[in-house]
Amino acid sequence: MTLTVPPPRTALPAERESRADGASRGTCARWYEHELGWATAGSAPVRLLTGLRFDALVVPAAAGHAVLRRVGPTGPVALSGRRMSLLVAPGSADELPGLLDWLEWGGVALALTALGVGGRITAPPPPGRPGTPGAAVWLRPPCPPHEQEGGPVLPALSGFGSRGGGAPDLIRLVDAVATECHRARLTRARTEMSPGETAAQPLAFS
């Protein structure tokens, strides 16, 4: 009996794209793990675990852009949709409630969250590598430790002001973030009011 061997099957376009995406995600995770020493999870998309090498302050994108203009140098900053993540020193998430109270922002409704142990953010493609439209991107990318002068720089509780031209002190950064989140909320409230309501109920910035 003669056996007929079927010809090799050519992968369909969707299969080739899926394999390429999988390889890209694997490369992305390896870069973060090997170059930066950051823990990752998942593959669609890759996530960066917070609370280990860094925490993250997550704010509305509009407020985040205002903060970047205001404070100058920061740690790494990622944009994902309408939210921006500012990376800060590990442990900062636990310090945030007390800092907000100390800065007299306690009790004020702010669209500000802090991710520490157990949190995660979407990993943008490594710097210099293309991403897909609408995916997370680095606005201020991280640098591998061997490319950093003086070690990694993340905002931390190290005293007032900036640290030798590096990232700002965590207190200064949190105050700027809270101010811009509050400003964005008041601006949004103004736009949602009718002209009569705005005139009758003026809103003042803190």
C-alpha atoms as a PDB file:
ATOM      1  CA  MET A   1       0.000   0.000   0.000  1.00  0.00           C
ATOM      2  CA  THR A   2       1.352   3.399  -0.965  1.00  0.00           C
ATOM      3  CA  LEU A   3       1.111   6.158   1.639  1.00  0.00           C
ATOM      4  CA  THR A   4       0.456   9.661   0.464  1.00  0.00           C
ATOM      5  CA  VAL A   5       2.262  12.266   2.528  1.00  0.00           C
ATOM      6  CA  PRO A   6       0.363  15.546   2.600  1.00  0.00           C
ATOM      7  CA  PRO A   7       2.379  18.631   1.728  1.00  0.00           C
ATOM      8  CA  PRO A   8       3.528  20.873   4.610  1.00  0.00           C
ATOM      9  CA  ARG A   9       0.748  23.199   5.695  1.00  0.00           C
ATOM     10  CA  THR A  10       1.444  26.877   5.278  1.00  0.00           C
ATOM     11  CA  ALA A  11       0.494  28.909   8.331  1.00  0.00           C
ATOM     12  CA  LEU A  12      -2.471  31.184   7.801  1.00  0.00           C
ATOM     13  CA  PRO A  13      -1.878  34.952   8.114  1.00  0.00           C
ATOM     14  CA  ALA A  14      -3.697  35.040  11.464  1.00  0.00           C
ATOM     15  CA  GLU A  15      -1.493  32.230  12.777  1.00  0.00           C
ATOM     16  CA  ARG A  16       1.690  33.965  11.626  1.00  0.00           C
ATOM     17  CA  GLU A  17       0.554  37.187  13.280  1.00  0.00           C
ATOM     18  CA  SER A  18      -0.248  35.346  16.504  1.00  0.00           C
ATOM     19  CA  ARG A  19       3.212  33.733  16.547  1.00  0.00           C
ATOM     20  CA  ALA A  20       4.871  37.082  15.862  1.00  0.00           C
ATOM     21  CA  ASP A  21       2.885  38.693  18.679  1.00  0.00           C
ATOM     22  CA  GLY A  22       3.854  35.890  21.037  1.00  0.00           C
ATOM     23  CA  ALA A  23       7.537  36.261  20.143  1.00  0.00           C
ATOM     24  CA  SER A  24       7.286  40.034  20.599  1.00  0.00           C
ATOM     25  CA  ARG A  25       5.692  39.646  24.027  1.00  0.00           C
ATOM     26  CA  GLY A  26       8.400  37.167  25.025  1.00  0.00           C
ATOM     27  CA  THR A  27      11.110  39.583  23.926  1.00  0.00           C
ATOM     28  CA  CYS A  28       9.398  42.393  25.850  1.00  0.00           C
ATOM     29  CA  ALA A  29       9.255  40.376  29.078  1.00  0.00           C
ATOM     30  CA  ARG A  30      12.869  39.239  28.734  1.00  0.00           C
ATOM     31  CA  TRP A  31      14.051  42.834  28.285  1.00  0.00           C
ATOM     32  CA  TYR A  32      12.384  43.963  31.507  1.00  0.00           C
ATOM     33  CA  GLU A  33      13.538  40.924  33.455  1.00  0.00           C
ATOM     34  CA  HIS A  34      17.130  40.735  32.176  1.00  0.00           C
ATOM     35  CA  GLU A  35      17.993  44.374  31.493  1.00  0.00           C
ATOM     36  CA  LEU A  36      16.141  46.043  34.376  1.00  0.00           C
ATOM     37  CA  GLY A  37      15.599  43.198  36.833  1.00  0.00           C
ATOM     38  CA  TRP A  38      11.864  43.935  36.953  1.00  0.00           C
ATOM     39  CA  ALA A  39       9.325  41.177  37.560  1.00  0.00           C
ATOM     40  CA  THR A  40       6.691  40.599  34.865  1.00  0.00           C
ATOM     41  CA  ALA A  41       3.466  38.646  34.550  1.00  0.00           C
ATOM     42  CA  GLY A  42       1.180  37.605  31.718  1.00  0.00           C
ATOM     43  CA  SER A  43       1.740  37.874  28.010  1.00  0.00           C
ATOM     44  CA  ALA A  44      -1.268  39.611  26.442  1.00  0.00           C
ATOM     45  CA  PRO A  45      -0.151  42.214  27.352  1.00  0.00           C
ATOM     46  CA  VAL A  46       2.919  41.873  29.565  1.00  0.00           C
ATOM     47  CA  ARG A  47       2.440  43.423  33.013  1.00  0.00           C
ATOM     48  CA  LEU A  48       5.046  44.954  35.306  1.00  0.00           C
ATOM     49  CA  LEU A  49       4.669  44.062  38.977  1.00  0.00           C
ATOM     50  CA  THR A  50       4.729  46.984  41.402  1.00  0.00           C
ATOM     51  CA  GLY A  51       5.892  46.902  45.004  1.00  0.00           C
ATOM     52  CA  LEU A  52       9.212  45.183  44.215  1.00  0.00           C
ATOM     53  CA  ARG A  53      11.565  47.501  42.304  1.00  0.00           C
ATOM     54  CA  PHE A  54       9.135  50.426  42.151  1.00  0.00           C
ATOM     55  CA  ASP A  55       5.631  51.641  43.039  1.00  0.00           C
ATOM     56  CA  ALA A  56       3.451  53.712  40.712  1.00  0.00           C
ATOM     57  CA  LEU A  57       1.342  56.842  41.095  1.00  0.00           C
ATOM     58  CA  VAL A  58      -1.498  56.513  38.581  1.00  0.00           C
ATOM     59  CA  VAL A  59      -3.228  59.732  37.506  1.00  0.00           C
ATOM     60  CA  PRO A  60      -5.420  61.027  34.646  1.00  0.00           C
ATOM     61  CA  ALA A  61      -3.302  61.740  31.584  1.00  0.00           C
ATOM     62  CA  ALA A  62      -4.185  65.459  31.512  1.00  0.00           C
ATOM     63  CA  ALA A  63      -3.081  65.922  35.123  1.00  0.00           C
ATOM     64  CA  GLY A  64       0.030  63.839  34.492  1.00  0.00           C
ATOM     65  CA  HIS A  65       1.139  65.969  31.546  1.00  0.00           C
ATOM     66  CA  ALA A  66       0.717  69.087  33.683  1.00  0.00           C
ATOM     67  CA  VAL A  67       2.863  67.502  36.403  1.00  0.00           C
ATOM     68  CA  LEU A  68       5.633  66.699  33.919  1.00  0.00           C
ATOM     69  CA  ARG A  69       5.682  70.314  32.762  1.00  0.00           C
ATOM     70  CA  ARG A  70       5.729  71.531  36.344  1.00  0.00           C
ATOM     71  CA  VAL A  71       8.300  69.363  38.098  1.00  0.00           C
ATOM     72  CA  GLY A  72      10.811  68.732  35.323  1.00  0.00           C
ATOM     73  CA  PRO A  73      12.857  65.539  35.765  1.00  0.00           C
ATOM     74  CA  THR A  74      11.064  62.532  37.242  1.00  0.00           C
ATOM     75  CA  GLY A  75      11.494  58.805  37.339  1.00  0.00           C
ATOM     76  CA  PRO A  76      10.180  56.683  34.448  1.00  0.00           C
ATOM     77  CA  VAL A  77       6.689  57.635  33.225  1.00  0.00           C
ATOM     78  CA  ALA A  78       4.332  55.438  31.182  1.00  0.00           C
ATOM     79  CA  LEU A  79       1.114  56.383  29.387  1.00  0.00           C
ATOM     80  CA  SER A  80      -1.650  53.814  28.900  1.00  0.00           C
ATOM     81  CA  GLY A  81      -4.851  55.185  27.387  1.00  0.00           C
ATOM     82  CA  ARG A  82      -6.162  57.988  29.579  1.00  0.00           C
ATOM     83  CA  ARG A  83      -4.025  57.099  32.589  1.00  0.00           C
ATOM     84  CA  MET A  84      -0.410  57.905  33.322  1.00  0.00           C
ATOM     85  CA  SER A  85       1.862  55.976  35.686  1.00  0.00           C
ATOM     86  CA  LEU A  86       4.719  57.791  37.405  1.00  0.00           C
ATOM     87  CA  LEU A  87       7.181  55.302  38.863  1.00  0.00           C
ATOM     88  CA  VAL A  88       8.391  56.038  42.381  1.00  0.00           C
ATOM     89  CA  ALA A  89      10.483  54.230  44.984  1.00  0.00           C
ATOM     90  CA  PRO A  90       9.073  50.996  46.438  1.00  0.00           C
ATOM     91  CA  GLY A  91       7.108  51.641  49.610  1.00  0.00           C
ATOM     92  CA  SER A  92       5.777  54.974  48.353  1.00  0.00           C
ATOM     93  CA  ALA A  93       2.246  53.588  47.959  1.00  0.00           C
ATOM     94  CA  ASP A  94       2.110  52.941  51.705  1.00  0.00           C
ATOM     95  CA  GLU A  95       3.339  56.468  52.397  1.00  0.00           C
ATOM     96  CA  LEU A  96       0.804  58.187  50.134  1.00  0.00           C
ATOM     97  CA  PRO A  97      -2.182  58.493  52.553  1.00  0.00           C
ATOM     98  CA  GLY A  98       0.007  60.036  55.253  1.00  0.00           C
ATOM     99  CA  LEU A  99       1.692  62.363  52.775  1.00  0.00           C
ATOM    100  CA  LEU A 100      -1.653  63.599  51.452  1.00  0.00           C
ATOM    101  CA  ASP A 101      -2.832  64.293  55.015  1.00  0.00           C
ATOM    102  CA  TRP A 102       0.427  66.084  55.860  1.00  0.00           C
ATOM    103  CA  LEU A 103       0.145  68.177  52.672  1.00  0.00           C
ATOM    104  CA  GLU A 104      -3.471  69.015  53.632  1.00  0.00           C
ATOM    105  CA  TRP A 105      -4.960  67.039  50.751  1.00  0.00           C
ATOM    106  CA  GLY A 106      -6.600  64.508  53.045  1.00  0.00           C
ATOM    107  CA  GLY A 107     -10.336  64.193  52.425  1.00  0.00           C
ATOM    108  CA  VAL A 108     -10.127  65.859  48.990  1.00  0.00           C
ATOM    109  CA  ALA A 109     -11.471  63.709  46.149  1.00  0.00           C
ATOM    110  CA  LEU A 110      -8.527  63.083  43.838  1.00  0.00           C
ATOM    111  CA  ALA A 111      -8.341  60.776  40.821  1.00  0.00           C
ATOM    112  CA  LEU A 112      -5.043  59.492  42.180  1.00  0.00           C
ATOM    113  CA  THR A 113      -4.174  55.926  43.048  1.00  0.00           C
ATOM    114  CA  ALA A 114      -0.932  54.342  44.186  1.00  0.00           C
ATOM    115  CA  LEU A 115       0.072  50.799  43.265  1.00  0.00           C
ATOM    116  CA  GLY A 116       2.404  48.948  45.586  1.00  0.00           C
ATOM    117  CA  VAL A 117       2.743  45.299  46.561  1.00  0.00           C
ATOM    118  CA  GLY A 118       0.323  43.177  44.532  1.00  0.00           C
ATOM    119  CA  GLY A 119      -0.267  45.823  41.848  1.00  0.00           C
ATOM    120  CA  ARG A 120       0.707  45.838  38.204  1.00  0.00           C
ATOM    121  CA  ILE A 121       0.826  48.170  35.240  1.00  0.00           C
ATOM    122  CA  THR A 122       0.807  47.456  31.509  1.00  0.00           C
ATOM    123  CA  ALA A 123       4.339  47.176  30.148  1.00  0.00           C
ATOM    124  CA  PRO A 124       5.058  49.464  27.186  1.00  0.00           C
ATOM    125  CA  PRO A 125       7.381  48.112  24.481  1.00  0.00           C
ATOM    126  CA  PRO A 126      11.033  48.547  25.453  1.00  0.00           C
ATOM    127  CA  PRO A 127      12.510  51.905  24.372  1.00  0.00           C
ATOM    128  CA  GLY A 128      13.249  52.059  20.665  1.00  0.00           C
ATOM    129  CA  ARG A 129      10.963  49.167  19.770  1.00  0.00           C
ATOM    130  CA  PRO A 130       7.688  49.697  17.893  1.00  0.00           C
ATOM    131  CA  GLY A 131       4.346  49.167  19.575  1.00  0.00           C
ATOM    132  CA  THR A 132       0.799  48.813  18.342  1.00  0.00           C
ATOM    133  CA  PRO A 133      -1.551  51.824  18.018  1.00  0.00           C
ATOM    134  CA  GLY A 134      -3.249  52.589  21.326  1.00  0.00           C
ATOM    135  CA  ALA A 135      -0.814  50.472  23.354  1.00  0.00           C
ATOM    136  CA  ALA A 136       1.041  51.709  26.415  1.00  0.00           C
ATOM    137  CA  VAL A 137       4.121  53.844  25.705  1.00  0.00           C
ATOM    138  CA  TRP A 138       7.027  55.254  27.676  1.00  0.00           C
ATOM    139  CA  LEU A 139       6.998  59.038  27.927  1.00  0.00           C
ATOM    140  CA  ARG A 140      10.148  58.921  30.040  1.00  0.00           C
ATOM    141  CA  PRO A 141      11.650  55.458  29.636  1.00  0.00           C
ATOM    142  CA  PRO A 142      13.679  53.556  32.233  1.00  0.00           C
ATOM    143  CA  CYS A 143      17.381  52.964  31.701  1.00  0.00           C
ATOM    144  CA  PRO A 144      19.181  49.701  32.428  1.00  0.00           C
ATOM    145  CA  PRO A 145      21.268  49.967  35.624  1.00  0.00           C
ATOM    146  CA  HIS A 146      24.563  49.835  33.718  1.00  0.00           C
ATOM    147  CA  GLU A 147      23.541  52.961  31.770  1.00  0.00           C
ATOM    148  CA  GLN A 148      22.599  54.960  34.854  1.00  0.00           C
ATOM    149  CA  GLU A 149      25.050  57.291  36.522  1.00  0.00           C
ATOM    150  CA  GLY A 150      24.772  57.173  40.296  1.00  0.00           C
ATOM    151  CA  GLY A 151      22.278  54.298  40.320  1.00  0.00           C
ATOM    152  CA  PRO A 152      18.562  54.224  39.609  1.00  0.00           C
ATOM    153  CA  VAL A 153      16.716  57.443  40.343  1.00  0.00           C
ATOM    154  CA  LEU A 154      13.143  57.190  41.624  1.00  0.00           C
ATOM    155  CA  PRO A 155      11.286  59.816  43.646  1.00  0.00           C
ATOM    156  CA  ALA A 156      11.573  58.862  47.320  1.00  0.00           C
ATOM    157  CA  LEU A 157      11.304  60.345  50.799  1.00  0.00           C
ATOM    158  CA  SER A 158      14.782  61.822  50.895  1.00  0.00           C
ATOM    159  CA  GLY A 159      14.172  65.373  52.064  1.00  0.00           C
ATOM    160  CA  PHE A 160      12.758  68.436  50.384  1.00  0.00           C
ATOM    161  CA  GLY A 161      13.496  69.563  46.860  1.00  0.00           C
ATOM    162  CA  SER A 162      15.220  67.680  44.058  1.00  0.00           C
ATOM    163  CA  ARG A 163      18.130  65.323  44.520  1.00  0.00           C
ATOM    164  CA  GLY A 164      21.109  66.769  42.728  1.00  0.00           C
ATOM    165  CA  GLY A 165      19.229  67.391  39.495  1.00  0.00           C
ATOM    166  CA  GLY A 166      17.671  63.912  39.465  1.00  0.00           C
ATOM    167  CA  ALA A 167      14.093  62.937  40.210  1.00  0.00           C
ATOM    168  CA  PRO A 168      12.158  65.197  42.595  1.00  0.00           C
ATOM    169  CA  ASP A 169      11.591  64.311  46.195  1.00  0.00           C
ATOM    170  CA  LEU A 170       8.449  62.211  46.694  1.00  0.00           C
ATOM    171  CA  ILE A 171       6.843  64.948  48.805  1.00  0.00           C
ATOM    172  CA  ARG A 172       7.249  67.518  46.044  1.00  0.00           C
ATOM    173  CA  LEU A 173       5.985  65.085  43.415  1.00  0.00           C
ATOM    174  CA  VAL A 174       2.917  64.046  45.422  1.00  0.00           C
ATOM    175  CA  ASP A 175       2.035  67.679  46.102  1.00  0.00           C
ATOM    176  CA  ALA A 176       2.292  68.492  42.380  1.00  0.00           C
ATOM    177  CA  VAL A 177       0.252  65.417  41.428  1.00  0.00           C
ATOM    178  CA  ALA A 178      -2.479  66.210  43.968  1.00  0.00           C
ATOM    179  CA  THR A 179      -2.627  69.846  42.834  1.00  0.00           C
ATOM    180  CA  GLU A 180      -2.980  68.939  39.151  1.00  0.00           C
ATOM    181  CA  CYS A 181      -5.548  66.196  39.843  1.00  0.00           C
ATOM    182  CA  HIS A 182      -7.601  68.697  41.845  1.00  0.00           C
ATOM    183  CA  ARG A 183      -7.204  71.347  39.150  1.00  0.00           C
ATOM    184  CA  ALA A 184      -8.330  68.891  36.460  1.00  0.00           C
ATOM    185  CA  ARG A 185     -11.368  67.906  38.528  1.00  0.00           C
ATOM    186  CA  LEU A 186     -12.415  71.533  39.016  1.00  0.00           C
ATOM    187  CA  THR A 187     -11.884  72.295  35.330  1.00  0.00           C
ATOM    188  CA  ARG A 188     -14.016  69.301  34.387  1.00  0.00           C
ATOM    189  CA  ALA A 189     -16.726  70.426  36.812  1.00  0.00           C
ATOM    190  CA  ARG A 190     -16.738  73.896  35.248  1.00  0.00           C
ATOM    191  CA  THR A 191     -17.197  72.520  31.732  1.00  0.00           C
ATOM    192  CA  GLU A 192     -20.101  70.355  32.887  1.00  0.00           C
ATOM    193  CA  MET A 193     -21.963  73.313  34.448  1.00  0.00           C
ATOM    194  CA  SER A 194     -24.282  75.635  32.575  1.00  0.00           C
ATOM    195  CA  PRO A 195     -23.140  79.301  32.335  1.00  0.00           C
ATOM    196  CA  GLY A 196     -25.653  80.295  34.985  1.00  0.00           C
ATOM    197  CA  GLU A 197     -24.461  77.661  37.411  1.00  0.00           C
ATOM    198  CA  THR A 198     -20.844  78.634  36.878  1.00  0.00           C
ATOM    199  CA  ALA A 199     -21.549  82.260  37.635  1.00  0.00           C
ATOM    200  CA  ALA A 200     -23.647  81.439  40.694  1.00  0.00           C
ATOM    201  CA  GLN A 201     -21.257  78.859  42.120  1.00  0.00           C
ATOM    202  CA  PRO A 202     -17.649  79.921  41.431  1.00  0.00           C
ATOM    203  CA  LEU A 203     -14.993  77.320  42.067  1.00  0.00           C
ATOM    204  CA  ALA A 204     -11.644  78.254  43.586  1.00  0.00           C
ATOM    205  CA  PHE A 205      -8.413  76.342  43.246  1.00  0.00           C
ATOM    206  CA  SER A 206      -6.662  75.291  46.389  1.00  0.00           C
END
